């Protein structure tokens, strides 16, 4: 099997697997009062510290969640609950993940005014348009750090500079970018950030939310789940120690191999793109060629039906995708590609391949061979 769908999910690295088993056998609840639970408390704190250092924030600004979708929902819940007295205007980019898009639509039905920030042909938001859309009653701007379909990196720091002196909360979905790109929430003036463990070789079902403590205290940002005192009384529920510990090991794994993995995956990406252009002269690489995640290859192959191509690739045991895994049940053309100005035909003829550190040039060559048989 050739796995080229790492944007959908990644294989757990060995240290994360070992941590999952080890802490799964340790049943002690970190909220318990007895000293025997100290190791459980310690591993949760250590993972919280790891994330904080990666983002350049304090550990008191990190809250564990079940993953990216929950964290995205929390961002909208926070802004609409705490700031609705100041306004009901929300801006989200036109290429957001469904977890953000569906939140925006939901709050639109609840009476909030939603604007969708357009992107250029490379899938990068237009800052001039953002300036035009901003209003005195804008309470939330949500722009992802990196797009999950075409890999385009967004000008997060420039957006943060634009918003830093405003009432507006700035949320970024960093699910695809965390541990693949360096992120500094303070330098970028980010208020809310979402991440998910299974996108960087950690387990599914665990993620985190960064909440800027100054904004948290200033606006008394609300809890997500009421009940116990976990996560500083902002997200009640028994702490998932095995998942948190495994995510922490995945972070350390990527920290130790960051340059090595980035160099290898970038080389594979460039090789894949070159081979696509050489064998399919009329193909189009979707997204920016310069401001892009190093693992993403999204390509339009004219006159090739994307859904049929995926089925044939699947028969050849090559796993890729047609777009977001969270929208895989839909046969409609990608809203992301349509927002970038692609035609319905171009969007329908596009495939997404996303690479990991275990992929090889041999696997890419085999993928090209199968695609040639479909052309």
Protein backbone atom coordinates (compact mmCIF):
# COMPACT_ATOMS: atom_id res chain seq x y z
CA UNK A 1 0.00 0.00 0.00
CA UNK A 2 1.15 3.51 -0.87
CA UNK A 3 -0.25 6.07 1.56
CA UNK A 4 -0.42 9.60 0.12
CA UNK A 5 -3.17 11.09 2.29
CA UNK A 6 -1.23 12.43 5.26
CA UNK A 7 -3.33 15.61 5.38
CA UNK A 8 -6.30 13.42 6.32
CA UNK A 9 -4.41 11.60 9.07
CA UNK A 10 -0.94 10.31 9.84
CA UNK A 11 0.46 7.03 11.09
CA UNK A 12 1.37 7.17 14.78
CA UNK A 13 5.12 7.27 15.33
CA UNK A 14 6.66 4.54 17.50
CA UNK A 15 7.31 6.76 20.57
CA UNK A 16 3.66 7.88 20.52
CA UNK A 17 2.44 4.28 20.25
CA UNK A 18 4.61 3.23 23.17
CA UNK A 19 3.37 6.13 25.30
CA UNK A 20 -0.23 5.29 24.46
CA UNK A 21 0.24 1.72 25.69
CA UNK A 22 2.27 2.67 28.77
CA UNK A 23 -0.10 5.34 30.02
CA UNK A 24 -3.10 3.26 28.99
CA UNK A 25 -1.98 0.66 31.51
CA UNK A 26 -1.69 3.36 34.19
CA UNK A 27 -5.27 4.00 35.29
CA UNK A 28 -4.58 6.76 37.81
CA UNK A 29 -6.63 9.91 37.33
CA UNK A 30 -4.46 13.06 37.39
CA UNK A 31 -7.25 14.87 39.24
CA UNK A 32 -6.97 12.46 42.18
CA UNK A 33 -5.56 13.81 45.44
CA UNK A 34 -3.15 10.97 46.26
CA UNK A 35 0.58 11.12 45.48
CA UNK A 36 0.45 8.01 43.30
CA UNK A 37 -1.28 10.15 40.64
CA UNK A 38 1.67 12.56 40.44
CA UNK A 39 3.22 10.89 37.35
CA UNK A 40 -0.07 11.30 35.51
CA UNK A 41 -0.23 14.96 36.49
CA UNK A 42 3.38 15.44 35.47
CA UNK A 43 3.02 13.98 31.96
CA UNK A 44 -0.03 16.16 31.29
CA UNK A 45 1.88 19.24 32.45
CA UNK A 46 4.96 18.31 30.40
CA UNK A 47 2.90 17.96 27.21
CA UNK A 48 1.17 21.26 27.89
CA UNK A 49 4.62 22.85 28.26
CA UNK A 50 5.83 21.28 24.99
CA UNK A 51 2.94 22.82 23.07
CA UNK A 52 3.39 26.19 24.77
CA UNK A 53 7.07 26.33 23.86
CA UNK A 54 6.30 25.41 20.25
CA UNK A 55 3.80 28.26 20.02
CA UNK A 56 5.80 30.75 22.15
CA UNK A 57 3.13 31.15 24.81
CA UNK A 58 2.66 30.15 28.44
CA UNK A 59 1.41 26.73 29.51
CA UNK A 60 -1.57 28.43 31.19
CA UNK A 61 -2.79 29.40 27.71
CA UNK A 62 -3.02 25.79 26.46
CA UNK A 63 -6.19 23.71 26.88
CA UNK A 64 -6.53 20.09 25.79
CA UNK A 65 -9.47 19.21 23.55
CA UNK A 66 -10.56 16.22 21.47
CA UNK A 67 -9.07 17.71 18.30
CA UNK A 68 -9.26 20.43 15.69
CA UNK A 69 -13.02 20.45 15.15
CA UNK A 70 -13.75 20.90 18.85
CA UNK A 71 -11.16 23.66 19.11
CA UNK A 72 -12.61 25.45 16.07
CA UNK A 73 -16.08 25.24 17.60
CA UNK A 74 -14.71 26.58 20.89
CA UNK A 75 -13.32 29.63 19.10
CA UNK A 76 -16.74 30.53 17.72
CA UNK A 77 -18.48 29.77 21.01
CA UNK A 78 -15.99 31.98 22.84
CA UNK A 79 -16.33 34.96 20.52
CA UNK A 80 -20.10 34.87 20.14
CA UNK A 81 -20.73 34.38 23.86
CA UNK A 82 -18.30 36.94 25.23
CA UNK A 83 -18.30 39.65 22.57
CA UNK A 84 -21.81 39.70 21.16
CA UNK A 85 -22.53 42.76 23.32
CA UNK A 86 -19.99 44.64 21.17
CA UNK A 87 -21.10 43.35 17.77
CA UNK A 88 -22.28 40.42 15.68
CA UNK A 89 -19.99 40.57 12.68
CA UNK A 90 -17.71 37.61 11.84
CA UNK A 91 -15.21 37.20 8.98
CA UNK A 92 -13.91 33.81 7.84
CA UNK A 93 -11.83 33.01 4.80
CA UNK A 94 -13.56 31.41 1.83
CA UNK A 95 -11.33 28.32 2.04
CA UNK A 96 -11.74 27.29 5.67
CA UNK A 97 -12.10 23.71 6.90
CA UNK A 98 -15.72 22.52 7.28
CA UNK A 99 -15.40 22.79 11.09
CA UNK A 100 -15.03 26.56 10.69
CA UNK A 101 -17.38 26.95 7.73
CA UNK A 102 -20.23 25.11 9.43
CA UNK A 103 -19.76 27.18 12.59
CA UNK A 104 -19.94 30.36 10.53
CA UNK A 105 -23.12 29.18 8.82
CA UNK A 106 -24.64 28.14 12.16
CA UNK A 107 -24.05 31.51 13.76
CA UNK A 108 -25.28 33.17 10.58
CA UNK A 109 -28.60 31.43 11.16
CA UNK A 110 -28.48 32.68 14.75
CA UNK A 111 -28.44 36.30 13.61
CA UNK A 112 -24.73 37.01 13.26
CA UNK A 113 -23.52 38.79 10.13
CA UNK A 114 -21.01 36.56 8.29
CA UNK A 115 -18.60 37.73 5.59
CA UNK A 116 -16.40 35.34 3.61
CA UNK A 117 -12.95 36.72 2.87
CA UNK A 118 -11.99 36.00 -0.76
CA UNK A 119 -8.70 34.44 -1.85
CA UNK A 120 -6.55 34.85 -4.94
CA UNK A 121 -5.84 32.22 -7.61
CA UNK A 122 -3.20 30.65 -5.34
CA UNK A 123 -5.59 30.23 -2.43
CA UNK A 124 -4.15 33.05 -0.32
CA UNK A 125 -6.45 35.56 1.37
CA UNK A 126 -6.58 39.09 0.04
CA UNK A 127 -5.46 41.48 2.76
CA UNK A 128 -6.92 44.51 0.98
CA UNK A 129 -10.31 42.81 1.00
CA UNK A 130 -9.96 42.05 4.70
CA UNK A 131 -9.34 45.73 5.39
CA UNK A 132 -12.52 46.57 3.49
CA UNK A 133 -14.58 43.97 5.33
CA UNK A 134 -13.49 44.96 8.85
CA UNK A 135 -16.08 46.94 10.82
CA UNK A 136 -16.33 48.44 14.28
CA UNK A 137 -18.62 45.56 15.25
CA UNK A 138 -16.34 42.75 13.92
CA UNK A 139 -15.84 40.37 16.86
CA UNK A 140 -14.04 37.46 15.17
CA UNK A 141 -11.75 36.85 12.20
CA UNK A 142 -10.90 33.20 11.44
CA UNK A 143 -8.21 32.43 8.87
CA UNK A 144 -6.43 29.07 8.79
CA UNK A 145 -2.62 28.96 9.00
CA UNK A 146 -2.36 26.54 6.08
CA UNK A 147 -5.10 25.24 3.82
CA UNK A 148 -5.89 21.55 4.14
CA UNK A 149 -6.57 21.01 0.42
CA UNK A 150 -3.98 23.02 -1.50
CA UNK A 151 -1.47 23.70 1.27
CA UNK A 152 -1.42 27.47 0.79
CA UNK A 153 0.20 29.30 3.73
CA UNK A 154 -1.74 32.35 4.84
CA UNK A 155 -0.24 35.73 5.88
CA UNK A 156 -1.06 35.16 9.53
CA UNK A 157 1.41 37.68 10.89
CA UNK A 158 0.14 40.41 8.56
CA UNK A 159 -3.44 39.67 9.60
CA UNK A 160 -2.45 39.78 13.26
CA UNK A 161 -0.78 43.15 12.79
CA UNK A 162 -3.97 44.43 11.22
CA UNK A 163 -6.12 43.21 14.11
CA UNK A 164 -3.89 43.64 17.18
CA UNK A 165 -5.32 46.97 18.32
CA UNK A 166 -8.94 46.10 17.63
CA UNK A 167 -11.66 44.53 19.74
CA UNK A 168 -11.71 41.62 17.24
CA UNK A 169 -10.52 38.17 18.28
CA UNK A 170 -8.19 36.51 15.76
CA UNK A 171 -8.54 32.74 15.41
CA UNK A 172 -6.38 30.51 13.23
CA UNK A 173 -6.95 26.83 12.52
CA UNK A 174 -3.36 25.53 12.60
CA UNK A 175 -4.30 21.85 12.35
CA UNK A 176 -2.37 21.30 9.10
CA UNK A 177 0.54 23.53 10.05
CA UNK A 178 1.47 22.68 13.66
CA UNK A 179 4.80 20.79 13.82
CA UNK A 180 5.17 21.24 10.03
CA UNK A 181 5.68 25.02 10.13
CA UNK A 182 7.06 27.23 12.89
CA UNK A 183 4.28 29.21 14.59
CA UNK A 184 4.75 32.10 17.00
CA UNK A 185 1.38 33.19 18.36
CA UNK A 186 2.78 36.25 20.12
CA UNK A 187 4.62 37.58 17.08
CA UNK A 188 1.53 36.94 14.95
CA UNK A 189 -0.90 38.44 17.53
CA UNK A 190 -3.08 35.33 17.43
CA UNK A 191 -5.78 35.13 20.12
CA UNK A 192 -7.14 31.62 19.48
CA UNK A 193 -5.46 28.66 17.78
CA UNK A 194 -6.58 25.09 17.05
CA UNK A 195 -4.37 22.00 16.64
CA UNK A 196 -4.85 18.23 16.40
CA UNK A 197 -2.52 15.38 17.35
CA UNK A 198 -3.23 12.97 14.51
CA UNK A 199 -1.91 15.40 11.89
CA UNK A 200 1.68 15.06 13.17
CA UNK A 201 1.92 11.32 13.90
CA UNK A 202 0.12 11.43 17.22
CA UNK A 203 -3.16 9.73 18.17
CA UNK A 204 -6.65 10.59 17.02
CA UNK A 205 -9.04 12.08 19.54
CA UNK A 206 -6.68 14.61 21.11
CA UNK A 207 -5.81 18.19 20.28
CA UNK A 208 -5.41 21.55 21.94
CA UNK A 209 -6.66 25.10 21.98
CA UNK A 210 -4.50 28.15 22.59
CA UNK A 211 -6.36 31.05 24.22
CA UNK A 212 -4.50 34.32 24.74
CA UNK A 213 -4.64 34.96 28.49
CA UNK A 214 -4.85 38.74 28.17
CA UNK A 215 -7.93 38.51 25.96
CA UNK A 216 -9.28 35.65 28.08
CA UNK A 217 -9.18 37.78 31.22
CA UNK A 218 -10.16 41.06 29.59
CA UNK A 219 -13.35 39.69 28.03
CA UNK A 220 -13.97 36.88 30.55
CA UNK A 221 -13.98 34.31 27.76
CA UNK A 222 -16.34 31.45 28.65
CA UNK A 223 -15.80 27.77 29.36
CA UNK A 224 -16.66 25.21 26.71
CA UNK A 225 -17.81 22.33 28.94
CA UNK A 226 -19.09 22.81 32.49
CA UNK A 227 -18.67 20.27 35.28
CA UNK A 228 -15.34 19.50 36.92
CA UNK A 229 -12.31 21.71 37.41
CA UNK A 230 -10.22 20.20 34.61
CA UNK A 231 -8.46 22.55 32.18
CA UNK A 232 -8.75 25.38 34.68
CA UNK A 233 -12.54 24.97 34.77
CA UNK A 234 -12.89 25.72 31.06
CA UNK A 235 -13.29 22.19 29.68
CA UNK A 236 -14.64 19.71 32.20
CA UNK A 237 -14.11 15.97 31.79
CA UNK A 238 -11.65 13.29 32.86
CA UNK A 239 -8.20 14.10 31.46
CA UNK A 240 -7.21 11.71 28.62
CA UNK A 241 -3.71 10.98 29.93
CA UNK A 242 -2.75 8.26 27.39
CA UNK A 243 -3.74 10.45 24.43
CA UNK A 244 -2.04 13.54 25.84
CA UNK A 245 1.16 11.63 26.62
CA UNK A 246 1.20 10.10 23.12
CA UNK A 247 0.69 13.53 21.53
CA UNK A 248 3.59 14.83 23.60
CA UNK A 249 5.85 12.06 22.27
CA UNK A 250 4.81 12.92 18.71
CA UNK A 251 5.80 16.54 19.32
CA UNK A 252 9.21 15.49 20.64
CA UNK A 253 9.61 13.12 17.68
CA UNK A 254 9.03 15.95 15.21
CA UNK A 255 11.22 18.34 17.15
CA UNK A 256 14.10 15.86 16.93
CA UNK A 257 13.65 15.29 13.19
CA UNK A 258 12.21 18.63 12.01
CA UNK A 259 14.97 19.62 9.58
CA UNK A 260 15.51 16.05 8.35
CA UNK A 261 11.81 15.46 7.65
CA UNK A 262 11.28 18.88 6.09
CA UNK A 263 14.24 18.42 3.73
CA UNK A 264 13.14 14.93 2.68
CA UNK A 265 9.47 15.80 2.19
CA UNK A 266 10.25 18.99 0.27
CA UNK A 267 12.50 16.97 -2.05
CA UNK A 268 9.70 14.43 -2.59
CA UNK A 269 7.18 17.21 -3.26
CA UNK A 270 9.41 18.82 -5.89
CA UNK A 271 10.12 15.46 -7.51
CA UNK A 272 6.39 14.65 -7.61
CA UNK A 273 5.53 18.02 -9.19
CA UNK A 274 8.33 17.69 -11.75
CA UNK A 275 7.18 14.20 -12.74
CA UNK A 276 3.58 15.37 -13.04
CA UNK A 277 4.59 18.23 -15.33
CA UNK A 278 6.87 15.98 -17.38
CA UNK A 279 4.26 13.27 -17.91
CA UNK A 280 1.17 15.51 -18.02
CA UNK A 281 2.21 18.75 -19.77
CA UNK A 282 -1.29 20.22 -19.44
CA UNK A 283 -1.61 19.60 -15.71
CA UNK A 284 -1.99 22.49 -13.27
CA UNK A 285 -0.58 22.52 -9.75
CA UNK A 286 -3.30 24.04 -7.57
CA UNK A 287 -2.14 26.54 -4.96
CA UNK A 288 0.93 28.66 -4.44
CA UNK A 289 4.26 27.22 -5.54
CA UNK A 290 6.19 29.36 -3.05
CA UNK A 291 3.93 29.81 0.01
CA UNK A 292 2.92 26.21 0.53
CA UNK A 293 3.14 23.32 2.97
CA UNK A 294 6.06 21.12 1.91
CA UNK A 295 3.96 17.94 1.93
CA UNK A 296 1.11 19.05 -0.35
CA UNK A 297 0.66 18.24 -4.05
CA UNK A 298 -2.78 19.20 -5.34
CA UNK A 299 -3.00 18.78 -9.11
CA UNK A 300 -5.61 19.28 -11.81
CA UNK A 301 -5.30 16.63 -14.53
CA UNK A 302 -7.52 17.85 -17.41
CA UNK A 303 -10.05 15.36 -18.79
CA UNK A 304 -9.50 13.03 -15.84
CA UNK A 305 -12.47 12.58 -13.51
CA UNK A 306 -11.15 12.93 -9.99
CA UNK A 307 -13.59 10.52 -8.33
CA UNK A 308 -12.96 7.82 -10.94
CA UNK A 309 -9.21 8.34 -10.66
CA UNK A 310 -9.38 7.87 -6.88
CA UNK A 311 -11.25 4.59 -7.35
CA UNK A 312 -8.62 3.31 -9.78
CA UNK A 313 -5.81 4.45 -7.50
CA UNK A 314 -7.55 2.63 -4.67
CA UNK A 315 -7.62 -0.58 -6.76
CA UNK A 316 -3.86 -0.13 -7.16
CA UNK A 317 -3.58 0.32 -3.37
CA UNK A 318 -2.57 3.96 -3.69
CA UNK A 319 -4.45 6.11 -1.20
CA UNK A 320 -5.03 9.78 -2.04
CA UNK A 321 -8.02 12.13 -1.86
CA UNK A 322 -10.22 14.54 -3.73
CA UNK A 323 -10.25 17.19 -1.02
CA UNK A 324 -10.92 17.53 2.69
CA UNK A 325 -11.36 14.23 4.54
CA UNK A 326 -14.17 15.87 6.51
CA UNK A 327 -16.10 16.41 3.26
CA UNK A 328 -15.24 13.08 1.63
CA UNK A 329 -18.86 11.99 1.53
CA UNK A 330 -19.64 14.77 -0.95
CA UNK A 331 -19.30 14.38 -4.72
CA UNK A 332 -19.54 18.12 -5.26
CA UNK A 333 -16.50 20.00 -6.61
CA UNK A 334 -14.17 21.34 -3.93
CA UNK A 335 -15.43 24.67 -2.53
CA UNK A 336 -11.78 25.60 -1.92
CA UNK A 337 -10.85 25.23 -5.59
CA UNK A 338 -14.00 27.03 -6.69
CA UNK A 339 -13.15 29.91 -4.33
CA UNK A 340 -9.73 30.08 -6.01
CA UNK A 341 -11.44 30.67 -9.35
CA UNK A 342 -11.17 27.15 -10.74
CA UNK A 343 -13.98 25.97 -13.00
CA UNK A 344 -16.26 23.10 -11.99
CA UNK A 345 -14.46 20.91 -14.53
CA UNK A 346 -11.03 21.85 -13.18
CA UNK A 347 -12.11 21.26 -9.58
CA UNK A 348 -13.65 17.91 -10.50
CA UNK A 349 -10.40 16.85 -12.21
CA UNK A 350 -8.19 17.62 -9.24
CA UNK A 351 -6.50 15.20 -6.83
CA UNK A 352 -4.76 15.83 -3.52
CA UNK A 353 -1.63 13.92 -2.58
CA UNK A 354 -0.05 14.65 0.80
CA UNK A 355 3.30 13.24 1.79
CA UNK A 356 4.87 11.92 4.96
CA UNK A 357 8.40 11.18 6.13
CA UNK A 358 8.07 7.47 5.23
CA UNK A 359 7.16 8.05 1.56
CA UNK A 360 9.74 7.38 -1.16
CA UNK A 361 10.47 8.39 -4.76
CA UNK A 362 9.74 4.81 -5.78
CA UNK A 363 6.19 5.20 -4.47
CA UNK A 364 5.77 8.45 -6.35
CA UNK A 365 7.04 6.85 -9.56
CA UNK A 366 4.51 4.03 -9.13
CA UNK A 367 1.74 6.60 -8.60
CA UNK A 368 2.70 8.43 -11.80
CA UNK A 369 2.65 5.10 -13.64
CA UNK A 370 -0.90 4.36 -12.49
CA UNK A 371 -2.05 7.89 -13.40
CA UNK A 372 -0.58 7.48 -16.89
CA UNK A 373 -2.65 4.34 -17.37
CA UNK A 374 -5.76 6.36 -16.53
CA UNK A 375 -5.03 9.24 -18.90
